[in-house]
Amino acid sequence: MTKAELINEIAIATGYDKTTISNVVESYMSSVKKSLINGENVYLRGFGTFQIKVRKAKIARNIFASTSVPVPAHRIANFKPCKEFANEMRE
């Protein structure tokens, strides 16, 4: 599902115009991004958690050039669904 499809589906379900829904979705995504950049997790009860994971520095291999490449420590965003959501996905 694309963002445009999501906006269209919400607009149909709620009866609001797509411009309003688009502004809400963009604001939501901006707020989640800001929180993650600031190192804060985002907890959405009944849905899941957007969290930051820290990857340690490591040495990777470029198998085509037969060289070692250092990869510095870095942070990545991760989504962990809640138990109910995960169970629904399994069914």
Protein backbone atom coordinates (compact mmCIF):
# COMPACT_ATOMS: atom_id res chain seq x y z
CA MET A 1 0.00 0.00 0.00
CA THR A 2 1.37 3.40 -0.95
CA LYS A 3 0.91 6.62 1.00
CA ALA A 4 -1.59 7.84 -1.62
CA GLU A 5 -3.62 4.63 -1.27
CA LEU A 6 -3.57 4.98 2.51
CA ILE A 7 -4.76 8.59 2.30
CA ASN A 8 -7.53 7.59 -0.13
CA GLU A 9 -8.69 4.72 2.12
CA ILE A 10 -8.79 6.93 5.23
CA ALA A 11 -10.63 9.67 3.32
CA ILE A 12 -13.29 7.19 2.22
CA ALA A 13 -13.65 5.69 5.71
CA THR A 14 -13.88 9.04 7.52
CA GLY A 15 -15.58 11.24 4.95
CA TYR A 16 -12.90 13.96 5.21
CA ASP A 17 -11.29 15.38 2.10
CA LYS A 18 -7.96 14.01 0.91
CA THR A 19 -6.12 17.28 1.57
CA THR A 20 -6.98 17.19 5.25
CA ILE A 21 -6.08 13.51 5.55
CA SER A 22 -2.82 14.12 3.67
CA ASN A 23 -1.89 16.89 6.13
CA VAL A 24 -2.65 14.60 9.09
CA VAL A 25 -0.61 11.71 7.64
CA GLU A 26 2.34 14.00 6.82
CA SER A 27 2.22 15.52 10.33
CA TYR A 28 2.11 12.04 11.89
CA MET A 29 5.10 10.85 9.87
CA SER A 30 7.03 14.04 10.67
CA SER A 31 6.37 13.60 14.40
CA VAL A 32 7.52 9.97 14.33
CA LYS A 33 10.69 10.92 12.42
CA LYS A 34 11.52 13.75 14.85
CA SER A 35 11.05 11.47 17.85
CA LEU A 36 13.27 8.76 16.39
CA ILE A 37 15.97 11.25 15.38
CA ASN A 38 15.94 12.57 18.96
CA GLY A 39 16.41 9.01 20.26
CA GLU A 40 12.87 8.61 21.59
CA ASN A 41 10.79 5.50 20.91
CA VAL A 42 7.21 5.90 19.66
CA TYR A 43 4.67 3.62 21.37
CA LEU A 44 1.31 3.07 19.63
CA ARG A 45 -0.76 0.85 21.92
CA GLY A 46 -2.58 -1.85 20.01
CA PHE A 47 -0.32 -1.42 16.97
CA GLY A 48 3.38 -1.51 17.84
CA THR A 49 6.54 0.40 18.66
CA PHE A 50 8.90 2.37 16.47
CA GLN A 51 12.27 2.14 18.15
CA ILE A 52 15.94 2.92 17.58
CA LYS A 53 18.44 0.08 17.38
CA VAL A 54 22.16 0.67 17.62
CA ARG A 55 24.40 -1.39 15.37
CA LYS A 56 27.98 -1.93 16.54
CA ALA A 57 30.96 -1.10 14.36
CA LYS A 58 32.15 -4.06 12.32
CA ILE A 59 34.37 -5.13 9.47
CA ALA A 60 32.49 -6.17 6.34
CA ARG A 61 33.85 -7.97 3.29
CA ASN A 62 33.57 -6.83 -0.30
CA ILE A 63 33.69 -10.25 -1.95
CA PHE A 64 34.06 -8.84 -5.46
CA ALA A 65 37.18 -6.81 -4.65
CA SER A 66 38.42 -9.15 -1.88
CA THR A 67 38.81 -6.28 0.53
CA SER A 68 37.71 -5.51 4.06
CA VAL A 69 35.55 -2.45 4.63
CA PRO A 70 35.02 -0.90 8.07
CA VAL A 71 31.39 -0.14 8.86
CA PRO A 72 31.02 2.42 11.67
CA ALA A 73 28.50 2.10 14.50
CA HIS A 74 25.14 3.55 13.50
CA ARG A 75 21.50 3.80 14.53
CA ILE A 76 18.57 2.40 12.56
CA ALA A 77 14.81 2.67 12.94
CA ASN A 78 12.92 -0.52 13.70
CA PHE A 79 9.24 -1.42 14.02
CA LYS A 80 8.08 -4.05 16.49
CA PRO A 81 4.38 -5.00 16.28
CA CYS A 82 2.38 -5.55 19.47
CA LYS A 83 1.48 -9.10 20.46
CA GLU A 84 -2.12 -8.89 19.20
CA PHE A 85 -0.99 -7.56 15.81
CA ALA A 86 1.72 -10.22 15.53
CA ASN A 87 -0.79 -12.96 16.38
CA GLU A 88 -3.23 -11.67 13.74
CA MET A 89 -0.43 -11.80 11.17
CA ARG A 90 0.26 -15.45 12.00
CA GLU A 91 -3.35 -16.52 11.43
